mmCIF file of all heavy atoms, coordinates in Angstrom:
data_MODEL
# 
_entry.id   MODEL 
# 
loop_
_atom_site.group_PDB 
_atom_site.id 
_atom_site.type_symbol 
_atom_site.label_atom_id 
_atom_site.label_alt_id 
_atom_site.label_comp_id 
_atom_site.label_asym_id 
_atom_site.label_entity_id 
_atom_site.label_seq_id 
_atom_site.pdbx_PDB_ins_code 
_atom_site.Cartn_x 
_atom_site.Cartn_y 
_atom_site.Cartn_z 
_atom_site.occupancy 
_atom_site.B_iso_or_equiv 
_atom_site.pdbx_formal_charge 
_atom_site.auth_seq_id 
_atom_site.auth_comp_id 
_atom_site.auth_asym_id 
_atom_site.auth_atom_id 
_atom_site.pdbx_PDB_model_num 
ATOM 1   N N   . LEU A 1 1  ? 0.845   -1.186 0.000  1.00 0.00 ? 1  LEU A N   1 
ATOM 2   C CA  . LEU A 1 1  ? 0.000   0.000  0.000  1.00 0.00 ? 1  LEU A CA  1 
ATOM 3   C C   . LEU A 1 1  ? 0.892   1.252  0.000  1.00 0.00 ? 1  LEU A C   1 
ATOM 4   O O   . LEU A 1 1  ? 1.856   1.317  0.756  1.00 0.00 ? 1  LEU A O   1 
ATOM 5   C CB  . LEU A 1 1  ? -0.905  0.001  1.232  1.00 0.00 ? 1  LEU A CB  1 
ATOM 6   C CG  . LEU A 1 1  ? -2.065  1.000  1.224  1.00 0.00 ? 1  LEU A CG  1 
ATOM 7   C CD1 . LEU A 1 1  ? -3.181  0.518  0.299  1.00 0.00 ? 1  LEU A CD1 1 
ATOM 8   C CD2 . LEU A 1 1  ? -2.611  1.198  2.635  1.00 0.00 ? 1  LEU A CD2 1 
ATOM 9   N N   . PRO A 1 2  ? 0.596   2.260  -0.843 1.00 0.00 ? 2  PRO A N   1 
ATOM 10  C CA  . PRO A 1 2  ? 1.462   3.441  -0.923 1.00 0.00 ? 2  PRO A CA  1 
ATOM 11  C C   . PRO A 1 2  ? 1.719   4.093  0.428  1.00 0.00 ? 2  PRO A C   1 
ATOM 12  O O   . PRO A 1 2  ? 2.851   4.538  0.704  1.00 0.00 ? 2  PRO A O   1 
ATOM 13  C CB  . PRO A 1 2  ? 0.687   4.371  -1.861 1.00 0.00 ? 2  PRO A CB  1 
ATOM 14  C CG  . PRO A 1 2  ? -0.092  3.447  -2.739 1.00 0.00 ? 2  PRO A CG  1 
ATOM 15  C CD  . PRO A 1 2  ? -0.478  2.305  -1.846 1.00 0.00 ? 2  PRO A CD  1 
ATOM 16  N N   . ASP A 1 3  ? 0.715   4.164  1.298  1.00 0.00 ? 3  ASP A N   1 
ATOM 17  C CA  . ASP A 1 3  ? 0.906   4.778  2.614  1.00 0.00 ? 3  ASP A CA  1 
ATOM 18  C C   . ASP A 1 3  ? 1.960   4.028  3.436  1.00 0.00 ? 3  ASP A C   1 
ATOM 19  O O   . ASP A 1 3  ? 2.773   4.648  4.129  1.00 0.00 ? 3  ASP A O   1 
ATOM 20  C CB  . ASP A 1 3  ? -0.410  4.777  3.400  1.00 0.00 ? 3  ASP A CB  1 
ATOM 21  C CG  . ASP A 1 3  ? -1.542  5.437  2.651  1.00 0.00 ? 3  ASP A CG  1 
ATOM 22  O OD1 . ASP A 1 3  ? -1.818  4.986  1.521  1.00 0.00 ? 3  ASP A OD1 1 
ATOM 23  O OD2 . ASP A 1 3  ? -2.159  6.370  3.185  1.00 0.00 ? 3  ASP A OD2 1 
ATOM 24  N N   . ILE A 1 4  ? 1.912   2.703  3.380  1.00 0.00 ? 4  ILE A N   1 
ATOM 25  C CA  . ILE A 1 4  ? 2.878   1.892  4.125  1.00 0.00 ? 4  ILE A CA  1 
ATOM 26  C C   . ILE A 1 4  ? 4.275   2.095  3.559  1.00 0.00 ? 4  ILE A C   1 
ATOM 27  O O   . ILE A 1 4  ? 5.258   2.220  4.297  1.00 0.00 ? 4  ILE A O   1 
ATOM 28  C CB  . ILE A 1 4  ? 2.490   0.400  4.083  1.00 0.00 ? 4  ILE A CB  1 
ATOM 29  C CG1 . ILE A 1 4  ? 1.061   0.192  4.610  1.00 0.00 ? 4  ILE A CG1 1 
ATOM 30  C CG2 . ILE A 1 4  ? 3.486   -0.425 4.886  1.00 0.00 ? 4  ILE A CG2 1 
ATOM 31  C CD1 . ILE A 1 4  ? 0.828   0.668  6.010  1.00 0.00 ? 4  ILE A CD1 1 
ATOM 32  N N   . ARG A 1 5  ? 4.374   2.130  2.236  1.00 0.00 ? 5  ARG A N   1 
ATOM 33  C CA  . ARG A 1 5  ? 5.674   2.360  1.596  1.00 0.00 ? 5  ARG A CA  1 
ATOM 34  C C   . ARG A 1 5  ? 6.209   3.749  1.940  1.00 0.00 ? 5  ARG A C   1 
ATOM 35  O O   . ARG A 1 5  ? 7.417   3.931  2.116  1.00 0.00 ? 5  ARG A O   1 
ATOM 36  C CB  . ARG A 1 5  ? 5.542   2.170  0.082  1.00 0.00 ? 5  ARG A CB  1 
ATOM 37  C CG  . ARG A 1 5  ? 5.203   0.733  -0.304 1.00 0.00 ? 5  ARG A CG  1 
ATOM 38  C CD  . ARG A 1 5  ? 4.766   0.640  -1.759 1.00 0.00 ? 5  ARG A CD  1 
ATOM 39  N NE  . ARG A 1 5  ? 5.854   0.975  -2.664 1.00 0.00 ? 5  ARG A NE  1 
ATOM 40  C CZ  . ARG A 1 5  ? 5.693   1.098  -3.992 1.00 0.00 ? 5  ARG A CZ  1 
ATOM 41  N NH1 . ARG A 1 5  ? 4.480   0.954  -4.518 1.00 0.00 ? 5  ARG A NH1 1 
ATOM 42  N NH2 . ARG A 1 5  ? 6.719   1.403  -4.762 1.00 0.00 ? 5  ARG A NH2 1 
ATOM 43  N N   . ALA A 1 6  ? 5.313   4.726  2.043  1.00 0.00 ? 6  ALA A N   1 
ATOM 44  C CA  . ALA A 1 6  ? 5.735   6.071  2.435  1.00 0.00 ? 6  ALA A CA  1 
ATOM 45  C C   . ALA A 1 6  ? 6.243   6.076  3.875  1.00 0.00 ? 6  ALA A C   1 
ATOM 46  O O   . ALA A 1 6  ? 7.255   6.708  4.188  1.00 0.00 ? 6  ALA A O   1 
ATOM 47  C CB  . ALA A 1 6  ? 4.583   7.050  2.272  1.00 0.00 ? 6  ALA A CB  1 
ATOM 48  N N   . HIS A 1 7  ? 5.531   5.364  4.765  1.00 0.00 ? 7  HIS A N   1 
ATOM 49  C CA  . HIS A 1 7  ? 5.988   5.262  6.159  1.00 0.00 ? 7  HIS A CA  1 
ATOM 50  C C   . HIS A 1 7  ? 7.372   4.626  6.220  1.00 0.00 ? 7  HIS A C   1 
ATOM 51  O O   . HIS A 1 7  ? 8.252   5.115  6.945  1.00 0.00 ? 7  HIS A O   1 
ATOM 52  C CB  . HIS A 1 7  ? 4.999   4.425  6.972  1.00 0.00 ? 7  HIS A CB  1 
ATOM 53  C CG  . HIS A 1 7  ? 5.534   4.012  8.309  1.00 0.00 ? 7  HIS A CG  1 
ATOM 54  N ND1 . HIS A 1 7  ? 5.582   4.852  9.395  1.00 0.00 ? 7  HIS A ND1 1 
ATOM 55  C CD2 . HIS A 1 7  ? 6.087   2.831  8.724  1.00 0.00 ? 7  HIS A CD2 1 
ATOM 56  C CE1 . HIS A 1 7  ? 6.124   4.220  10.424 1.00 0.00 ? 7  HIS A CE1 1 
ATOM 57  N NE2 . HIS A 1 7  ? 6.431   3.005  10.047 1.00 0.00 ? 7  HIS A NE2 1 
ATOM 58  N N   . ASN A 1 8  ? 7.581   3.550  5.462  1.00 0.00 ? 8  ASN A N   1 
ATOM 59  C CA  . ASN A 1 8  ? 8.887   2.893  5.460  1.00 0.00 ? 8  ASN A CA  1 
ATOM 60  C C   . ASN A 1 8  ? 9.970   3.819  4.932  1.00 0.00 ? 8  ASN A C   1 
ATOM 61  O O   . ASN A 1 8  ? 11.129  3.757  5.374  1.00 0.00 ? 8  ASN A O   1 
ATOM 62  C CB  . ASN A 1 8  ? 8.826   1.615  4.622  1.00 0.00 ? 8  ASN A CB  1 
ATOM 63  C CG  . ASN A 1 8  ? 7.987   0.529  5.280  1.00 0.00 ? 8  ASN A CG  1 
ATOM 64  O OD1 . ASN A 1 8  ? 7.788   0.551  6.496  1.00 0.00 ? 8  ASN A OD1 1 
ATOM 65  N ND2 . ASN A 1 8  ? 7.479   -0.407 4.505  1.00 0.00 ? 8  ASN A ND2 1 
ATOM 66  N N   . SER A 1 9  ? 9.602   4.687  3.984  1.00 0.00 ? 9  SER A N   1 
ATOM 67  C CA  . SER A 1 9  ? 10.567  5.643  3.448  1.00 0.00 ? 9  SER A CA  1 
ATOM 68  C C   . SER A 1 9  ? 10.976  6.664  4.501  1.00 0.00 ? 9  SER A C   1 
ATOM 69  O O   . SER A 1 9  ? 12.126  7.111  4.529  1.00 0.00 ? 9  SER A O   1 
ATOM 70  C CB  . SER A 1 9  ? 9.977   6.358  2.225  1.00 0.00 ? 9  SER A CB  1 
ATOM 71  O OG  . SER A 1 9  ? 10.881  7.302  1.707  1.00 0.00 ? 9  SER A OG  1 
ATOM 72  N N   . VAL A 1 10 ? 10.047  7.046  5.372  1.00 0.00 ? 10 VAL A N   1 
ATOM 73  C CA  . VAL A 1 10 ? 10.391  7.946  6.479  1.00 0.00 ? 10 VAL A CA  1 
ATOM 74  C C   . VAL A 1 10 ? 11.491  7.319  7.321  1.00 0.00 ? 10 VAL A C   1 
ATOM 75  O O   . VAL A 1 10 ? 12.525  7.928  7.613  1.00 0.00 ? 10 VAL A O   1 
ATOM 76  C CB  . VAL A 1 10 ? 9.160   8.243  7.358  1.00 0.00 ? 10 VAL A CB  1 
ATOM 77  C CG1 . VAL A 1 10 ? 9.572   9.013  8.614  1.00 0.00 ? 10 VAL A CG1 1 
ATOM 78  C CG2 . VAL A 1 10 ? 8.119   9.041  6.590  1.00 0.00 ? 10 VAL A CG2 1 
ATOM 79  N N   . VAL A 1 11 ? 11.285  6.046  7.705  1.00 0.00 ? 11 VAL A N   1 
ATOM 80  C CA  . VAL A 1 11 ? 12.233  5.346  8.562  1.00 0.00 ? 11 VAL A CA  1 
ATOM 81  C C   . VAL A 1 11 ? 13.555  5.131  7.833  1.00 0.00 ? 11 VAL A C   1 
ATOM 82  O O   . VAL A 1 11 ? 14.640  5.336  8.398  1.00 0.00 ? 11 VAL A O   1 
ATOM 83  C CB  . VAL A 1 11 ? 11.639  3.995  9.019  1.00 0.00 ? 11 VAL A CB  1 
ATOM 84  C CG1 . VAL A 1 11 ? 12.653  3.217  9.856  1.00 0.00 ? 11 VAL A CG1 1 
ATOM 85  C CG2 . VAL A 1 11 ? 10.358  4.225  9.816  1.00 0.00 ? 11 VAL A CG2 1 
ATOM 86  N N   . ASP A 1 12 ? 13.484  4.729  6.550  1.00 0.00 ? 12 ASP A N   1 
ATOM 87  C CA  . ASP A 1 12 ? 14.702  4.467  5.780  1.00 0.00 ? 12 ASP A CA  1 
ATOM 88  C C   . ASP A 1 12 ? 15.570  5.712  5.631  1.00 0.00 ? 12 ASP A C   1 
ATOM 89  O O   . ASP A 1 12 ? 16.797  5.603  5.493  1.00 0.00 ? 12 ASP A O   1 
ATOM 90  C CB  . ASP A 1 12 ? 14.350  3.937  4.390  1.00 0.00 ? 12 ASP A CB  1 
ATOM 91  C CG  . ASP A 1 12 ? 13.855  2.496  4.418  1.00 0.00 ? 12 ASP A CG  1 
ATOM 92  O OD1 . ASP A 1 12 ? 13.997  1.845  5.477  1.00 0.00 ? 12 ASP A OD1 1 
ATOM 93  O OD2 . ASP A 1 12 ? 13.332  2.022  3.393  1.00 0.00 ? 12 ASP A OD2 1 
ATOM 94  N N   . ASN A 1 13 ? 14.953  6.877  5.641  1.00 0.00 ? 13 ASN A N   1 
ATOM 95  C CA  . ASN A 1 13 ? 15.701  8.120  5.475  1.00 0.00 ? 13 ASN A CA  1 
ATOM 96  C C   . ASN A 1 13 ? 15.978  8.826  6.807  1.00 0.00 ? 13 ASN A C   1 
ATOM 97  O O   . ASN A 1 13 ? 16.212  10.029 6.849  1.00 0.00 ? 13 ASN A O   1 
ATOM 98  C CB  . ASN A 1 13 ? 14.946  9.061  4.536  1.00 0.00 ? 13 ASN A CB  1 
ATOM 99  C CG  . ASN A 1 13 ? 15.031  8.605  3.092  1.00 0.00 ? 13 ASN A CG  1 
ATOM 100 O OD1 . ASN A 1 13 ? 16.112  8.569  2.507  1.00 0.00 ? 13 ASN A OD1 1 
ATOM 101 N ND2 . ASN A 1 13 ? 13.900  8.220  2.513  1.00 0.00 ? 13 ASN A ND2 1 
ATOM 102 N N   . GLY A 1 14 ? 15.946  8.038  7.884  1.00 0.00 ? 14 GLY A N   1 
ATOM 103 C CA  . GLY A 1 14 ? 16.328  8.559  9.189  1.00 0.00 ? 14 GLY A CA  1 
ATOM 104 C C   . GLY A 1 14 ? 15.288  9.433  9.848  1.00 0.00 ? 14 GLY A C   1 
ATOM 105 O O   . GLY A 1 14 ? 15.590  10.155 10.797 1.00 0.00 ? 14 GLY A O   1 
ATOM 106 N N   . GLY A 1 15 ? 14.041  9.377  9.355  1.00 0.00 ? 15 GLY A N   1 
ATOM 107 C CA  . GLY A 1 15 ? 12.985  10.200 9.922  1.00 0.00 ? 15 GLY A CA  1 
ATOM 108 C C   . GLY A 1 15 ? 12.223  9.504  11.036 1.00 0.00 ? 15 GLY A C   1 
ATOM 109 O O   . GLY A 1 15 ? 12.376  8.302  11.258 1.00 0.00 ? 15 GLY A O   1 
ATOM 110 N N   . ILE A 1 16 ? 11.408  10.278 11.734 1.00 0.00 ? 16 ILE A N   1 
ATOM 111 C CA  . ILE A 1 16 ? 10.574  9.751  12.818 1.00 0.00 ? 16 ILE A CA  1 
ATOM 112 C C   . ILE A 1 16 ? 9.147   10.238 12.598 1.00 0.00 ? 16 ILE A C   1 
ATOM 113 O O   . ILE A 1 16 ? 8.903   11.444 12.510 1.00 0.00 ? 16 ILE A O   1 
ATOM 114 C CB  . ILE A 1 16 ? 11.058  10.236 14.192 1.00 0.00 ? 16 ILE A CB  1 
ATOM 115 C CG1 . ILE A 1 16 ? 12.507  9.799  14.442 1.00 0.00 ? 16 ILE A CG1 1 
ATOM 116 C CG2 . ILE A 1 16 ? 10.153  9.708  15.304 1.00 0.00 ? 16 ILE A CG2 1 
ATOM 117 C CD1 . ILE A 1 16 ? 13.107  10.394 15.702 1.00 0.00 ? 16 ILE A CD1 1 
ATOM 118 N N   . PRO A 1 17 ? 8.181   9.317  12.474 1.00 0.00 ? 17 PRO A N   1 
ATOM 119 C CA  . PRO A 1 17 ? 6.779   9.737  12.396 1.00 0.00 ? 17 PRO A CA  1 
ATOM 120 C C   . PRO A 1 17 ? 6.250   10.024 13.796 1.00 0.00 ? 17 PRO A C   1 
ATOM 121 O O   . PRO A 1 17 ? 6.389   9.206  14.702 1.00 0.00 ? 17 PRO A O   1 
ATOM 122 C CB  . PRO A 1 17 ? 6.087   8.512  11.770 1.00 0.00 ? 17 PRO A CB  1 
ATOM 123 C CG  . PRO A 1 17 ? 6.946   7.352  12.174 1.00 0.00 ? 17 PRO A CG  1 
ATOM 124 C CD  . PRO A 1 17 ? 8.349   7.869  12.309 1.00 0.00 ? 17 PRO A CD  1 
ATOM 125 N N   . HIS A 1 18 ? 5.642   11.175 13.984 1.00 0.00 ? 18 HIS A N   1 
ATOM 126 C CA  . HIS A 1 18 ? 5.130   11.551 15.300 1.00 0.00 ? 18 HIS A CA  1 
ATOM 127 C C   . HIS A 1 18 ? 3.607   11.408 15.379 1.00 0.00 ? 18 HIS A C   1 
ATOM 128 O O   . HIS A 1 18 ? 3.103   10.543 16.066 1.00 0.00 ? 18 HIS A O   1 
ATOM 129 C CB  . HIS A 1 18 ? 5.546   12.980 15.642 1.00 0.00 ? 18 HIS A CB  1 
ATOM 130 C CG  . HIS A 1 18 ? 7.015   13.150 15.818 1.00 0.00 ? 18 HIS A CG  1 
ATOM 131 N ND1 . HIS A 1 18 ? 7.734   12.542 16.825 1.00 0.00 ? 18 HIS A ND1 1 
ATOM 132 C CD2 . HIS A 1 18 ? 7.929   13.840 15.092 1.00 0.00 ? 18 HIS A CD2 1 
ATOM 133 C CE1 . HIS A 1 18 ? 9.005   12.851 16.738 1.00 0.00 ? 18 HIS A CE1 1 
ATOM 134 N NE2 . HIS A 1 18 ? 9.154   13.641 15.693 1.00 0.00 ? 18 HIS A NE2 1 
ATOM 135 N N   . ARG A 1 19 ? 2.888   12.244 14.675 1.00 0.00 ? 19 ARG A N   1 
ATOM 136 C CA  . ARG A 1 19 ? 1.421   12.196 14.707 1.00 0.00 ? 19 ARG A CA  1 
ATOM 137 C C   . ARG A 1 19 ? 0.883   12.091 13.296 1.00 0.00 ? 19 ARG A C   1 
ATOM 138 O O   . ARG A 1 19 ? 1.444   12.637 12.351 1.00 0.00 ? 19 ARG A O   1 
ATOM 139 C CB  . ARG A 1 19 ? 0.856   13.442 15.381 1.00 0.00 ? 19 ARG A CB  1 
ATOM 140 C CG  . ARG A 1 19 ? 1.260   13.634 16.833 1.00 0.00 ? 19 ARG A CG  1 
ATOM 141 C CD  . ARG A 1 19 ? 0.576   14.873 17.398 1.00 0.00 ? 19 ARG A CD  1 
ATOM 142 N NE  . ARG A 1 19 ? -0.870  14.736 17.403 1.00 0.00 ? 19 ARG A NE  1 
ATOM 143 C CZ  . ARG A 1 19 ? -1.722  15.758 17.388 1.00 0.00 ? 19 ARG A CZ  1 
ATOM 144 N NH1 . ARG A 1 19 ? -1.268  16.998 17.323 1.00 0.00 ? 19 ARG A NH1 1 
ATOM 145 N NH2 . ARG A 1 19 ? -3.032  15.550 17.405 1.00 0.00 ? 19 ARG A NH2 1 
ATOM 146 N N   . CYS A 1 20 ? -0.231  11.364 13.172 1.00 0.00 ? 20 CYS A N   1 
ATOM 147 C CA  . CYS A 1 20 ? -0.910  11.231 11.880 1.00 0.00 ? 20 CYS A CA  1 
ATOM 148 C C   . CYS A 1 20 ? -2.410  11.201 12.166 1.00 0.00 ? 20 CYS A C   1 
ATOM 149 O O   . CYS A 1 20 ? -2.898  10.281 12.827 1.00 0.00 ? 20 CYS A O   1 
ATOM 150 C CB  . CYS A 1 20 ? -0.460  9.952  11.168 1.00 0.00 ? 20 CYS A CB  1 
ATOM 151 S SG  . CYS A 1 20 ? -1.178  9.739  9.530  1.00 0.00 ? 20 CYS A SG  1 
ATOM 152 N N   . TYR A 1 21 ? -3.133  12.210 11.690 1.00 0.00 ? 21 TYR A N   1 
ATOM 153 C CA  . TYR A 1 21 ? -4.554  12.315 12.019 1.00 0.00 ? 21 TYR A CA  1 
ATOM 154 C C   . TYR A 1 21 ? -5.301  12.941 10.843 1.00 0.00 ? 21 TYR A C   1 
ATOM 155 O O   . TYR A 1 21 ? -4.714  13.607 9.983  1.00 0.00 ? 21 TYR A O   1 
ATOM 156 C CB  . TYR A 1 21 ? -4.750  13.165 13.279 1.00 0.00 ? 21 TYR A CB  1 
ATOM 157 C CG  . TYR A 1 21 ? -4.049  14.501 13.236 1.00 0.00 ? 21 TYR A CG  1 
ATOM 158 C CD1 . TYR A 1 21 ? -4.701  15.644 12.750 1.00 0.00 ? 21 TYR A CD1 1 
ATOM 159 C CD2 . TYR A 1 21 ? -2.728  14.625 13.663 1.00 0.00 ? 21 TYR A CD2 1 
ATOM 160 C CE1 . TYR A 1 21 ? -4.054  16.867 12.696 1.00 0.00 ? 21 TYR A CE1 1 
ATOM 161 C CE2 . TYR A 1 21 ? -2.074  15.852 13.613 1.00 0.00 ? 21 TYR A CE2 1 
ATOM 162 C CZ  . TYR A 1 21 ? -2.737  16.966 13.127 1.00 0.00 ? 21 TYR A CZ  1 
ATOM 163 O OH  . TYR A 1 21 ? -2.089  18.165 13.070 1.00 0.00 ? 21 TYR A OH  1 
ATOM 164 N N   . THR A 1 22 ? -6.620  12.723 10.806 1.00 0.00 ? 22 THR A N   1 
ATOM 165 C CA  . THR A 1 22 ? -7.416  13.235 9.701  1.00 0.00 ? 22 THR A CA  1 
ATOM 166 C C   . THR A 1 22 ? -7.880  14.665 9.959  1.00 0.00 ? 22 THR A C   1 
ATOM 167 O O   . THR A 1 22 ? -8.099  15.073 11.098 1.00 0.00 ? 22 THR A O   1 
ATOM 168 C CB  . THR A 1 22 ? -8.653  12.349 9.460  1.00 0.00 ? 22 THR A CB  1 
ATOM 169 O OG1 . THR A 1 22 ? -9.398  12.236 10.678 1.00 0.00 ? 22 THR A OG1 1 
ATOM 170 C CG2 . THR A 1 22 ? -8.253  10.972 8.985  1.00 0.00 ? 22 THR A CG2 1 
ATOM 171 N N   . LEU A 1 23 ? -8.040  15.402 8.854  1.00 0.00 ? 23 LEU A N   1 
ATOM 172 C CA  . LEU A 1 23 ? -8.578  16.753 8.893  1.00 0.00 ? 23 LEU A CA  1 
ATOM 173 C C   . LEU A 1 23 ? -10.081 16.709 8.617  1.00 0.00 ? 23 LEU A C   1 
ATOM 174 O O   . LEU A 1 23 ? -10.644 15.644 8.348  1.00 0.00 ? 23 LEU A O   1 
ATOM 175 C CB  . LEU A 1 23 ? -7.866  17.617 7.851  1.00 0.00 ? 23 LEU A CB  1 
ATOM 176 C CG  . LEU A 1 23 ? -6.342  17.696 7.973  1.00 0.00 ? 23 LEU A CG  1 
ATOM 177 C CD1 . LEU A 1 23 ? -5.767  18.488 6.804  1.00 0.00 ? 23 LEU A CD1 1 
ATOM 178 C CD2 . LEU A 1 23 ? -5.941  18.332 9.298  1.00 0.00 ? 23 LEU A CD2 1 
ATOM 179 N N   . ASP A 1 24 ? -10.728 17.865 8.635  1.00 0.00 ? 24 ASP A N   1 
ATOM 180 C CA  . ASP A 1 24 ? -12.170 17.916 8.404  1.00 0.00 ? 24 ASP A CA  1 
ATOM 181 C C   . ASP A 1 24 ? -12.565 17.425 7.022  1.00 0.00 ? 24 ASP A C   1 
ATOM 182 O O   . ASP A 1 24 ? -13.682 16.938 6.823  1.00 0.00 ? 24 ASP A O   1 
ATOM 183 C CB  . ASP A 1 24 ? -12.683 19.356 8.598  1.00 0.00 ? 24 ASP A CB  1 
ATOM 184 C CG  . ASP A 1 24 ? -12.630 19.798 10.058 1.00 0.00 ? 24 ASP A CG  1 
ATOM 185 O OD1 . ASP A 1 24 ? -12.536 18.909 10.929 1.00 0.00 ? 24 ASP A OD1 1 
ATOM 186 O OD2 . ASP A 1 24 ? -12.663 21.008 10.316 1.00 0.00 ? 24 ASP A OD2 1 
ATOM 187 N N   . ASP A 1 25 ? -11.658 17.554 6.036  1.00 0.00 ? 25 ASP A N   1 
ATOM 188 C CA  . ASP A 1 25 ? -11.978 17.096 4.682  1.00 0.00 ? 25 ASP A CA  1 
ATOM 189 C C   . ASP A 1 25 ? -11.640 15.621 4.466  1.00 0.00 ? 25 ASP A C   1 
ATOM 190 O O   . ASP A 1 25 ? -11.779 15.093 3.367  1.00 0.00 ? 25 ASP A O   1 
ATOM 191 C CB  . ASP A 1 25 ? -11.260 17.952 3.635  1.00 0.00 ? 25 ASP A CB  1 
ATOM 192 C CG  . ASP A 1 25 ? -9.730  17.844 3.745  1.00 0.00 ? 25 ASP A CG  1 
ATOM 193 O OD1 . ASP A 1 25 ? -9.241  17.124 4.649  1.00 0.00 ? 25 ASP A OD1 1 
ATOM 194 O OD2 . ASP A 1 25 ? -9.039  18.482 2.935  1.00 0.00 ? 25 ASP A OD2 1 
ATOM 195 N N   . GLY A 1 26 ? -11.177 14.943 5.528  1.00 0.00 ? 26 GLY A N   1 
ATOM 196 C CA  . GLY A 1 26 ? -10.875 13.522 5.435  1.00 0.00 ? 26 GLY A CA  1 
ATOM 197 C C   . GLY A 1 26 ? -9.448  13.203 5.044  1.00 0.00 ? 26 GLY A C   1 
ATOM 198 O O   . GLY A 1 26 ? -9.050  12.033 5.055  1.00 0.00 ? 26 GLY A O   1 
ATOM 199 N N   . SER A 1 27 ? -8.631  14.208 4.681  1.00 0.00 ? 27 SER A N   1 
ATOM 200 C CA  . SER A 1 27 ? -7.239  13.953 4.319  1.00 0.00 ? 27 SER A CA  1 
ATOM 201 C C   . SER A 1 27 ? -6.388  13.781 5.576  1.00 0.00 ? 27 SER A C   1 
ATOM 202 O O   . SER A 1 27 ? -6.815  14.126 6.687  1.00 0.00 ? 27 SER A O   1 
ATOM 203 C CB  . SER A 1 27 ? -6.688  15.093 3.462  1.00 0.00 ? 27 SER A CB  1 
ATOM 204 O OG  . SER A 1 27 ? -6.692  16.308 4.185  1.00 0.00 ? 27 SER A OG  1 
# 
């Protein structure tokens, strides 16, 4: 799934995911 691959790319590039939440428009 593209979202999962994007998350893995964060980790692979030394990043840290902190918060992930939806906005009023659903994004």
